[in-house]
């Protein structure tokens, strides 16, 4: 998702349309404090609560202890490193699942 910019508000510009505008979208939010900062979630909710849909991207490792786990991503075999609630691709600071 493109960040909010004062000359190009992106999705926030669409969410901020007047209440009577017919084109305000529904939108999915992963409100876990990892994918989106809590302030961003609050802005999205306050801007258009009727379109706000909570989404999860929980993976099967979510309830497992911290550690290194194999993961098949399409054709590639990767590993995921779990640290608390965060799942990262091994050797990178990229959230697993991209």
PDB file of N, CA and C in Angstrom:
ATOM      1  N   UNK A   1       0.847  -1.173   0.000  1.00  0.00           N
ATOM      2  CA  UNK A   1       0.000   0.000   0.000  1.00  0.00           C
ATOM      3  C   UNK A   1       0.890   1.233   0.000  1.00  0.00           C
ATOM      4  N   UNK A   2       0.571   2.161  -0.880  1.00  0.00           N
ATOM      5  CA  UNK A   2       1.332   3.408  -0.928  1.00  0.00           C
ATOM      6  C   UNK A   2       1.082   4.213   0.348  1.00  0.00           C
ATOM      7  N   UNK A   3       2.111   4.877   0.849  1.00  0.00           N
ATOM      8  CA  UNK A   3       1.932   5.677   2.058  1.00  0.00           C
ATOM      9  C   UNK A   3       1.097   6.936   1.788  1.00  0.00           C
ATOM     10  N   UNK A   4       0.529   7.480   2.823  1.00  0.00           N
ATOM     11  CA  UNK A   4      -0.203   8.737   2.731  1.00  0.00           C
ATOM     12  C   UNK A   4       0.776   9.852   2.370  1.00  0.00           C
ATOM     13  N   UNK A   5       0.443  10.603   1.355  1.00  0.00           N
ATOM     14  CA  UNK A   5       1.272  11.730   0.927  1.00  0.00           C
ATOM     15  C   UNK A   5       0.350  12.932   0.738  1.00  0.00           C
ATOM     16  N   UNK A   6       0.827  14.111   1.077  1.00  0.00           N
ATOM     17  CA  UNK A   6      -0.045  15.290   1.036  1.00  0.00           C
ATOM     18  C   UNK A   6      -0.530  15.627  -0.374  1.00  0.00           C
ATOM     19  N   UNK A   7       0.164  15.227  -1.421  1.00  0.00           N
ATOM     20  CA  UNK A   7      -0.284  15.496  -2.788  1.00  0.00           C
ATOM     21  C   UNK A   7      -0.951  14.288  -3.446  1.00  0.00           C
ATOM     22  N   UNK A   8      -0.785  13.134  -2.849  1.00  0.00           N
ATOM     23  CA  UNK A   8      -1.389  11.917  -3.380  1.00  0.00           C
ATOM     24  C   UNK A   8      -1.819  11.054  -2.189  1.00  0.00           C
ATOM     25  N   UNK A   9      -3.039  11.272  -1.680  1.00  0.00           N
ATOM     26  CA  UNK A   9      -3.452  10.596  -0.455  1.00  0.00           C
ATOM     27  C   UNK A   9      -3.745   9.107  -0.610  1.00  0.00           C
ATOM     28  N   UNK A  10      -3.726   8.576  -1.836  1.00  0.00           N
ATOM     29  CA  UNK A  10      -3.943   7.143  -2.028  1.00  0.00           C
ATOM     30  C   UNK A  10      -5.272   6.681  -1.459  1.00  0.00           C
ATOM     31  N   UNK A  11      -5.259   5.526  -0.817  1.00  0.00           N
ATOM     32  CA  UNK A  11      -6.491   4.942  -0.292  1.00  0.00           C
ATOM     33  C   UNK A  11      -7.140   5.843   0.753  1.00  0.00           C
ATOM     34  N   UNK A  12      -6.350   6.588   1.504  1.00  0.00           N
ATOM     35  CA  UNK A  12      -6.945   7.475   2.504  1.00  0.00           C
ATOM     36  C   UNK A  12      -7.774   8.570   1.840  1.00  0.00           C
ATOM     37  N   UNK A  13      -7.381   8.988   0.648  1.00  0.00           N
ATOM     38  CA  UNK A  13      -8.163   9.967  -0.090  1.00  0.00           C
ATOM     39  C   UNK A  13      -9.524   9.415  -0.475  1.00  0.00           C
ATOM     40  N   UNK A  14      -9.566   8.146  -0.880  1.00  0.00           N
ATOM     41  CA  UNK A  14     -10.840   7.516  -1.235  1.00  0.00           C
ATOM     42  C   UNK A  14     -11.697   7.331   0.002  1.00  0.00           C
ATOM     43  N   UNK A  15     -11.092   6.902   1.100  1.00  0.00           N
ATOM     44  CA  UNK A  15     -11.855   6.706   2.329  1.00  0.00           C
ATOM     45  C   UNK A  15     -12.403   8.015   2.858  1.00  0.00           C
ATOM     46  N   UNK A  16     -11.704   9.109   2.595  1.00  0.00           N
ATOM     47  CA  UNK A  16     -12.098  10.403   3.112  1.00  0.00           C
ATOM     48  C   UNK A  16     -13.142  11.133   2.291  1.00  0.00           C
ATOM     49  N   UNK A  17     -13.643  10.503   1.213  1.00  0.00           N
ATOM     50  CA  UNK A  17     -14.698  11.138   0.422  1.00  0.00           C
ATOM     51  C   UNK A  17     -15.904  11.433   1.309  1.00  0.00           C
ATOM     52  N   UNK A  18     -16.688  12.388   0.907  1.00  0.00           N
ATOM     53  CA  UNK A  18     -17.891  12.746   1.673  1.00  0.00           C
ATOM     54  C   UNK A  18     -18.770  11.517   1.889  1.00  0.00           C
ATOM     55  N   UNK A  19     -19.486  11.493   3.013  1.00  0.00           N
ATOM     56  CA  UNK A  19     -20.324  10.345   3.365  1.00  0.00           C
ATOM     57  C   UNK A  19     -21.337   9.990   2.283  1.00  0.00           C
ATOM     58  N   UNK A  20     -21.788  10.950   1.530  1.00  0.00           N
ATOM     59  CA  UNK A  20     -22.813  10.681   0.523  1.00  0.00           C
ATOM     60  C   UNK A  20     -22.237  10.187  -0.806  1.00  0.00           C
ATOM     61  N   UNK A  21     -20.917  10.148  -0.936  1.00  0.00           N
ATOM     62  CA  UNK A  21     -20.302   9.687  -2.184  1.00  0.00           C
ATOM     63  C   UNK A  21     -20.569   8.192  -2.363  1.00  0.00           C
ATOM     64  N   UNK A  22     -21.021   7.761  -3.544  1.00  0.00           N
ATOM     65  CA  UNK A  22     -21.361   6.347  -3.746  1.00  0.00           C
ATOM     66  C   UNK A  22     -20.156   5.431  -3.902  1.00  0.00           C
ATOM     67  N   UNK A  23     -18.964   5.986  -4.044  1.00  0.00           N
ATOM     68  CA  UNK A  23     -17.820   5.148  -4.368  1.00  0.00           C
ATOM     69  C   UNK A  23     -16.916   4.834  -3.180  1.00  0.00           C
ATOM     70  N   UNK A  24     -17.351   5.084  -1.964  1.00  0.00           N
ATOM     71  CA  UNK A  24     -16.502   4.745  -0.812  1.00  0.00           C
ATOM     72  C   UNK A  24     -16.407   3.229  -0.697  1.00  0.00           C
ATOM     73  N   UNK A  25     -15.209   2.701  -0.630  1.00  0.00           N
ATOM     74  CA  UNK A  25     -15.029   1.243  -0.682  1.00  0.00           C
ATOM     75  C   UNK A  25     -15.122   0.567   0.680  1.00  0.00           C
ATOM     76  N   UNK A  26     -15.312  -0.730   0.624  1.00  0.00           N
ATOM     77  CA  UNK A  26     -15.039  -1.569   1.771  1.00  0.00           C
ATOM     78  C   UNK A  26     -13.548  -1.858   1.717  1.00  0.00           C
ATOM     79  N   UNK A  27     -12.908  -2.067   2.858  1.00  0.00           N
ATOM     80  CA  UNK A  27     -11.471  -2.299   2.864  1.00  0.00           C
ATOM     81  C   UNK A  27     -11.099  -3.223   4.010  1.00  0.00           C
ATOM     82  N   UNK A  28     -10.126  -4.080   3.737  1.00  0.00           N
ATOM     83  CA  UNK A  28      -9.661  -5.033   4.730  1.00  0.00           C
ATOM     84  C   UNK A  28      -8.441  -4.518   5.449  1.00  0.00           C
ATOM     85  N   UNK A  29      -8.406  -4.738   6.759  1.00  0.00           N
ATOM     86  CA  UNK A  29      -7.316  -4.254   7.595  1.00  0.00           C
ATOM     87  C   UNK A  29      -6.813  -5.398   8.472  1.00  0.00           C
ATOM     88  N   UNK A  30      -5.492  -5.612   8.445  1.00  0.00           N
ATOM     89  CA  UNK A  30      -4.875  -6.559   9.370  1.00  0.00           C
ATOM     90  C   UNK A  30      -4.408  -5.723  10.556  1.00  0.00           C
ATOM     91  N   UNK A  31      -5.235  -5.692  11.592  1.00  0.00           N
ATOM     92  CA  UNK A  31      -5.026  -4.798  12.743  1.00  0.00           C
ATOM     93  C   UNK A  31      -4.278  -5.516  13.851  1.00  0.00           C
ATOM     94  N   UNK A  32      -3.068  -5.966  13.542  1.00  0.00           N
ATOM     95  CA  UNK A  32      -2.300  -6.734  14.521  1.00  0.00           C
ATOM     96  C   UNK A  32      -1.132  -5.967  15.124  1.00  0.00           C
ATOM     97  N   UNK A  33      -0.962  -4.694  14.748  1.00  0.00           N
ATOM     98  CA  UNK A  33       0.148  -3.910  15.262  1.00  0.00           C
ATOM     99  C   UNK A  33       1.466  -4.216  14.563  1.00  0.00           C
ATOM    100  N   UNK A  34       1.454  -5.140  13.614  1.00  0.00           N
ATOM    101  CA  UNK A  34       2.645  -5.493  12.847  1.00  0.00           C
ATOM    102  C   UNK A  34       2.497  -4.976  11.412  1.00  0.00           C
ATOM    103  N   UNK A  35       1.398  -5.344  10.780  1.00  0.00           N
ATOM    104  CA  UNK A  35       1.155  -4.906   9.406  1.00  0.00           C
ATOM    105  C   UNK A  35       0.837  -3.411   9.337  1.00  0.00           C
ATOM    106  N   UNK A  36       0.081  -2.935  10.286  1.00  0.00           N
ATOM    107  CA  UNK A  36      -0.302  -1.522  10.339  1.00  0.00           C
ATOM    108  C   UNK A  36      -0.073  -0.990  11.747  1.00  0.00           C
ATOM    109  N   UNK A  37       0.419   0.216  11.821  1.00  0.00           N
ATOM    110  CA  UNK A  37       0.571   0.885  13.107  1.00  0.00           C
ATOM    111  C   UNK A  37      -0.824   1.126  13.685  1.00  0.00           C
ATOM    112  N   UNK A  38      -1.013   1.015  14.995  1.00  0.00           N
ATOM    113  CA  UNK A  38      -2.326   1.237  15.588  1.00  0.00           C
ATOM    114  C   UNK A  38      -2.946   2.597  15.228  1.00  0.00           C
ATOM    115  N   UNK A  39      -2.136   3.632  15.048  1.00  0.00           N
ATOM    116  CA  UNK A  39      -2.682   4.941  14.663  1.00  0.00           C
ATOM    117  C   UNK A  39      -3.288   4.894  13.263  1.00  0.00           C
ATOM    118  N   UNK A  40      -2.678   4.114  12.363  1.00  0.00           N
ATOM    119  CA  UNK A  40      -3.212   3.965  11.017  1.00  0.00           C
ATOM    120  C   UNK A  40      -4.559   3.263  11.047  1.00  0.00           C
ATOM    121  N   UNK A  41      -4.682   2.241  11.875  1.00  0.00           N
ATOM    122  CA  UNK A  41      -5.947   1.521  12.024  1.00  0.00           C
ATOM    123  C   UNK A  41      -7.020   2.473  12.545  1.00  0.00           C
ATOM    124  N   UNK A  42      -6.669   3.295  13.516  1.00  0.00           N
ATOM    125  CA  UNK A  42      -7.622   4.246  14.093  1.00  0.00           C
ATOM    126  C   UNK A  42      -8.071   5.272  13.051  1.00  0.00           C
ATOM    127  N   UNK A  43      -7.139   5.757  12.242  1.00  0.00           N
ATOM    128  CA  UNK A  43      -7.490   6.715  11.183  1.00  0.00           C
ATOM    129  C   UNK A  43      -8.463   6.066  10.199  1.00  0.00           C
ATOM    130  N   UNK A  44      -8.157   4.841   9.771  1.00  0.00           N
ATOM    131  CA  UNK A  44      -9.022   4.148   8.820  1.00  0.00           C
ATOM    132  C   UNK A  44     -10.416   3.933   9.414  1.00  0.00           C
ATOM    133  N   UNK A  45     -10.477   3.502  10.655  1.00  0.00           N
ATOM    134  CA  UNK A  45     -11.784   3.275  11.308  1.00  0.00           C
ATOM    135  C   UNK A  45     -12.571   4.579  11.407  1.00  0.00           C
ATOM    136  N   UNK A  46     -11.925   5.625  11.888  1.00  0.00           N
ATOM    137  CA  UNK A  46     -12.623   6.898  12.063  1.00  0.00           C
ATOM    138  C   UNK A  46     -13.035   7.529  10.741  1.00  0.00           C
ATOM    139  N   UNK A  47     -12.309   7.219   9.678  1.00  0.00           N
ATOM    140  CA  UNK A  47     -12.619   7.784   8.378  1.00  0.00           C
ATOM    141  C   UNK A  47     -13.829   7.124   7.741  1.00  0.00           C
ATOM    142  N   UNK A  48     -13.950   5.808   7.850  1.00  0.00           N
ATOM    143  CA  UNK A  48     -15.045   5.095   7.182  1.00  0.00           C
ATOM    144  C   UNK A  48     -15.346   3.778   7.900  1.00  0.00           C
ATOM    145  N   UNK A  49     -15.958   3.848   9.094  1.00  0.00           N
ATOM    146  CA  UNK A  49     -16.200   2.617   9.872  1.00  0.00           C
ATOM    147  C   UNK A  49     -17.120   1.620   9.167  1.00  0.00           C
ATOM    148  N   UNK A  50     -18.040   2.092   8.322  1.00  0.00           N
ATOM    149  CA  UNK A  50     -18.944   1.162   7.643  1.00  0.00           C
ATOM    150  C   UNK A  50     -18.228   0.296   6.613  1.00  0.00           C
ATOM    151  N   UNK A  51     -17.063   0.736   6.143  1.00  0.00           N
ATOM    152  CA  UNK A  51     -16.319  -0.035   5.163  1.00  0.00           C
ATOM    153  C   UNK A  51     -15.209  -0.870   5.752  1.00  0.00           C
ATOM    154  N   UNK A  52     -14.994  -0.768   7.050  1.00  0.00           N
ATOM    155  CA  UNK A  52     -13.872  -1.396   7.755  1.00  0.00           C
ATOM    156  C   UNK A  52     -14.135  -2.888   7.948  1.00  0.00           C
ATOM    157  N   UNK A  53     -13.249  -3.733   7.419  1.00  0.00           N
ATOM    158  CA  UNK A  53     -13.377  -5.184   7.571  1.00  0.00           C
ATOM    159  C   UNK A  53     -12.081  -5.717   8.175  1.00  0.00           C
ATOM    160  N   UNK A  54     -12.184  -6.382   9.318  1.00  0.00           N
ATOM    161  CA  UNK A  54     -11.000  -6.994   9.939  1.00  0.00           C
ATOM    162  C   UNK A  54     -10.607  -8.253   9.174  1.00  0.00           C
ATOM    163  N   UNK A  55      -9.315  -8.404   8.945  1.00  0.00           N
ATOM    164  CA  UNK A  55      -8.770  -9.533   8.193  1.00  0.00           C
ATOM    165  C   UNK A  55      -7.656 -10.151   9.022  1.00  0.00           C
ATOM    166  N   UNK A  56      -7.506 -11.457   8.920  1.00  0.00           N
ATOM    167  CA  UNK A  56      -6.367 -12.113   9.544  1.00  0.00           C
ATOM    168  C   UNK A  56      -5.483 -12.721   8.464  1.00  0.00           C
ATOM    169  N   UNK A  57      -4.224 -12.777   8.733  1.00  0.00           N
ATOM    170  CA  UNK A  57      -3.324 -13.517   7.853  1.00  0.00           C
ATOM    171  C   UNK A  57      -2.550 -14.524   8.691  1.00  0.00           C
ATOM    172  N   UNK A  58      -3.162 -14.957   9.791  1.00  0.00           N
ATOM    173  CA  UNK A  58      -2.494 -15.886  10.701  1.00  0.00           C
ATOM    174  C   UNK A  58      -2.051 -17.141   9.954  1.00  0.00           C
ATOM    175  N   UNK A  59      -0.857 -17.562  10.239  1.00  0.00           N
ATOM    176  CA  UNK A  59      -0.295 -18.766   9.634  1.00  0.00           C
ATOM    177  C   UNK A  59      -0.295 -19.876  10.684  1.00  0.00           C
ATOM    178  N   UNK A  60      -0.092 -21.093  10.236  1.00  0.00           N
ATOM    179  CA  UNK A  60      -0.171 -22.225  11.159  1.00  0.00           C
ATOM    180  C   UNK A  60       0.862 -22.148  12.280  1.00  0.00           C
ATOM    181  N   UNK A  61       1.920 -21.352  12.114  1.00  0.00           N
ATOM    182  CA  UNK A  61       2.924 -21.232  13.169  1.00  0.00           C
ATOM    183  C   UNK A  61       2.539 -20.236  14.262  1.00  0.00           C
ATOM    184  N   UNK A  62       1.449 -19.542  14.087  1.00  0.00           N
ATOM    185  CA  UNK A  62       1.085 -18.468  15.023  1.00  0.00           C
ATOM    186  C   UNK A  62       1.072 -18.946  16.478  1.00  0.00           C
ATOM    187  N   UNK A  63       0.610 -20.155  16.726  1.00  0.00           N
ATOM    188  CA  UNK A  63       0.543 -20.654  18.090  1.00  0.00           C
ATOM    189  C   UNK A  63       1.738 -21.475  18.532  1.00  0.00           C
ATOM    190  N   UNK A  64       2.743 -21.592  17.677  1.00  0.00           N
ATOM    191  CA  UNK A  64       3.923 -22.396  18.012  1.00  0.00           C
ATOM    192  C   UNK A  64       4.967 -21.572  18.765  1.00  0.00           C
ATOM    193  N   UNK A  65       5.907 -22.231  19.420  1.00  0.00           N
ATOM    194  CA  UNK A  65       6.973 -21.492  20.110  1.00  0.00           C
ATOM    195  C   UNK A  65       7.883 -20.788  19.095  1.00  0.00           C
ATOM    196  N   UNK A  66       8.627 -19.812  19.578  1.00  0.00           N
ATOM    197  CA  UNK A  66       9.602 -19.129  18.733  1.00  0.00           C
ATOM    198  C   UNK A  66      10.559 -20.156  18.145  1.00  0.00           C
ATOM    199  N   UNK A  67      10.979 -19.925  16.917  1.00  0.00           N
ATOM    200  CA  UNK A  67      11.904 -20.843  16.278  1.00  0.00           C
ATOM    201  C   UNK A  67      11.918 -20.694  14.774  1.00  0.00           C
ATOM    202  N   UNK A  68      12.527 -21.662  14.111  1.00  0.00           N
ATOM    203  CA  UNK A  68      12.696 -21.678  12.649  1.00  0.00           C
ATOM    204  C   UNK A  68      11.828 -22.803  12.098  1.00  0.00           C
ATOM    205  N   UNK A  69      10.987 -22.472  11.114  1.00  0.00           N
ATOM    206  CA  UNK A  69      10.040 -23.440  10.582  1.00  0.00           C
ATOM    207  C   UNK A  69      10.093 -23.463   9.053  1.00  0.00           C
ATOM    208  N   UNK A  70      10.011 -24.671   8.447  1.00  0.00           N
ATOM    209  CA  UNK A  70       9.991 -24.747   6.988  1.00  0.00           C
ATOM    210  C   UNK A  70       8.673 -24.201   6.442  1.00  0.00           C
ATOM    211  N   UNK A  71       8.747 -23.632   5.244  1.00  0.00           N
ATOM    212  CA  UNK A  71       7.563 -23.054   4.611  1.00  0.00           C
ATOM    213  C   UNK A  71       7.722 -23.129   3.109  1.00  0.00           C
ATOM    214  N   UNK A  72       6.721 -23.617   2.437  1.00  0.00           N
ATOM    215  CA  UNK A  72       6.741 -23.708   0.971  1.00  0.00           C
ATOM    216  C   UNK A  72       5.948 -22.534   0.416  1.00  0.00           C
ATOM    217  N   UNK A  73       6.610 -21.727  -0.392  1.00  0.00           N
ATOM    218  CA  UNK A  73       5.989 -20.555  -0.994  1.00  0.00           C
ATOM    219  C   UNK A  73       5.922 -20.779  -2.499  1.00  0.00           C
ATOM    220  N   UNK A  74       4.829 -21.376  -2.962  1.00  0.00           N
ATOM    221  CA  UNK A  74       4.716 -21.692  -4.383  1.00  0.00           C
ATOM    222  C   UNK A  74       5.745 -22.747  -4.762  1.00  0.00           C
ATOM    223  N   UNK A  75       6.700 -22.374  -5.584  1.00  0.00           N
ATOM    224  CA  UNK A  75       7.743 -23.297  -6.041  1.00  0.00           C
ATOM    225  C   UNK A  75       8.953 -23.316  -5.110  1.00  0.00           C
ATOM    226  N   UNK A  76       9.063 -22.325  -4.234  1.00  0.00           N
ATOM    227  CA  UNK A  76      10.258 -22.180  -3.399  1.00  0.00           C
ATOM    228  C   UNK A  76      10.060 -22.776  -2.013  1.00  0.00           C
ATOM    229  N   UNK A  77      11.105 -23.395  -1.501  1.00  0.00           N
ATOM    230  CA  UNK A  77      11.135 -23.827  -0.111  1.00  0.00           C
ATOM    231  C   UNK A  77      11.896 -22.774   0.680  1.00  0.00           C
ATOM    232  N   UNK A  78      11.250 -22.200   1.659  1.00  0.00           N
ATOM    233  CA  UNK A  78      11.851 -21.167   2.503  1.00  0.00           C
ATOM    234  C   UNK A  78      11.762 -21.609   3.954  1.00  0.00           C
ATOM    235  N   UNK A  79      12.290 -20.758   4.814  1.00  0.00           N
ATOM    236  CA  UNK A  79      12.115 -20.943   6.252  1.00  0.00           C
ATOM    237  C   UNK A  79      11.573 -19.653   6.830  1.00  0.00           C
ATOM    238  N   UNK A  80      10.756 -19.801   7.836  1.00  0.00           N
ATOM    239  CA  UNK A  80      10.204 -18.671   8.567  1.00  0.00           C
ATOM    240  C   UNK A  80      10.778 -18.702   9.964  1.00  0.00           C
ATOM    241  N   UNK A  81      11.180 -17.548  10.441  1.00  0.00           N
ATOM    242  CA  UNK A  81      11.670 -17.415  11.811  1.00  0.00           C
ATOM    243  C   UNK A  81      10.589 -16.709  12.608  1.00  0.00           C
ATOM    244  N   UNK A  82      10.120 -17.361  13.654  1.00  0.00           N
ATOM    245  CA  UNK A  82       9.067 -16.793  14.508  1.00  0.00           C
ATOM    246  C   UNK A  82       9.714 -16.181  15.734  1.00  0.00           C
ATOM    247  N   UNK A  83       9.430 -14.908  15.951  1.00  0.00           N
ATOM    248  CA  UNK A  83       9.879 -14.186  17.153  1.00  0.00           C
ATOM    249  C   UNK A  83       8.662 -13.515  17.766  1.00  0.00           C
ATOM    250  N   UNK A  84       8.129 -14.115  18.797  1.00  0.00           N
ATOM    251  CA  UNK A  84       6.902 -13.573  19.387  1.00  0.00           C
ATOM    252  C   UNK A  84       5.766 -13.674  18.378  1.00  0.00           C
ATOM    253  N   UNK A  85       5.091 -12.560  18.136  1.00  0.00           N
ATOM    254  CA  UNK A  85       3.973 -12.541  17.191  1.00  0.00           C
ATOM    255  C   UNK A  85       4.418 -12.277  15.759  1.00  0.00           C
ATOM    256  N   UNK A  86       5.702 -12.046  15.557  1.00  0.00           N
ATOM    257  CA  UNK A  86       6.211 -11.679  14.234  1.00  0.00           C
ATOM    258  C   UNK A  86       6.796 -12.901  13.535  1.00  0.00           C
ATOM    259  N   UNK A  87       6.384 -13.121  12.276  1.00  0.00           N
ATOM    260  CA  UNK A  87       6.911 -14.185  11.440  1.00  0.00           C
ATOM    261  C   UNK A  87       7.669 -13.543  10.286  1.00  0.00           C
ATOM    262  N   UNK A  88       8.974 -13.804  10.213  1.00  0.00           N
ATOM    263  CA  UNK A  88       9.827 -13.191   9.188  1.00  0.00           C
ATOM    264  C   UNK A  88      10.423 -14.257   8.287  1.00  0.00           C
ATOM    265  N   UNK A  89      10.643 -13.889   7.006  1.00  0.00           N
ATOM    266  CA  UNK A  89      11.382 -14.775   6.119  1.00  0.00           C
ATOM    267  C   UNK A  89      12.812 -14.847   6.616  1.00  0.00           C
ATOM    268  N   UNK A  90      13.357 -16.045   6.680  1.00  0.00           N
ATOM    269  CA  UNK A  90      14.704 -16.239   7.209  1.00  0.00           C
ATOM    270  C   UNK A  90      15.727 -15.405   6.437  1.00  0.00           C
ATOM    271  N   UNK A  91      16.601 -14.731   7.187  1.00  0.00           N
ATOM    272  CA  UNK A  91      17.672 -13.944   6.599  1.00  0.00           C
ATOM    273  C   UNK A  91      17.249 -12.574   6.120  1.00  0.00           C
ATOM    274  N   UNK A  92      15.987 -12.231   6.302  1.00  0.00           N
ATOM    275  CA  UNK A  92      15.483 -10.931   5.873  1.00  0.00           C
ATOM    276  C   UNK A  92      14.577 -10.359   6.958  1.00  0.00           C
ATOM    277  N   UNK A  93      14.337  -9.095   6.875  1.00  0.00           N
ATOM    278  CA  UNK A  93      13.390  -8.463   7.802  1.00  0.00           C
ATOM    279  C   UNK A  93      12.051  -8.254   7.092  1.00  0.00           C
ATOM    280  N   UNK A  94      11.683  -9.227   6.249  1.00  0.00           N
ATOM    281  CA  UNK A  94      10.427  -9.170   5.487  1.00  0.00           C
ATOM    282  C   UNK A  94       9.403 -10.026   6.190  1.00  0.00           C
ATOM    283  N   UNK A  95       8.220  -9.485   6.405  1.00  0.00           N
ATOM    284  CA  UNK A  95       7.144 -10.252   7.023  1.00  0.00           C
ATOM    285  C   UNK A  95       6.825 -11.453   6.132  1.00  0.00           C
ATOM    286  N   UNK A  96       6.708 -12.614   6.738  1.00  0.00           N
ATOM    287  CA  UNK A  96       6.408 -13.837   5.988  1.00  0.00           C
ATOM    288  C   UNK A  96       5.061 -13.696   5.285  1.00  0.00           C
ATOM    289  N   UNK A  97       4.999 -14.222   4.099  1.00  0.00           N
ATOM    290  CA  UNK A  97       3.787 -14.158   3.309  1.00  0.00           C
ATOM    291  C   UNK A  97       3.806 -13.028   2.300  1.00  0.00           C
ATOM    292  N   UNK A  98       4.691 -12.073   2.512  1.00  0.00           N
ATOM    293  CA  UNK A  98       4.854 -10.916   1.648  1.00  0.00           C
ATOM    294  C   UNK A  98       3.557 -10.270   1.442  1.00  0.00           C
TER     295      UNK A  98
END
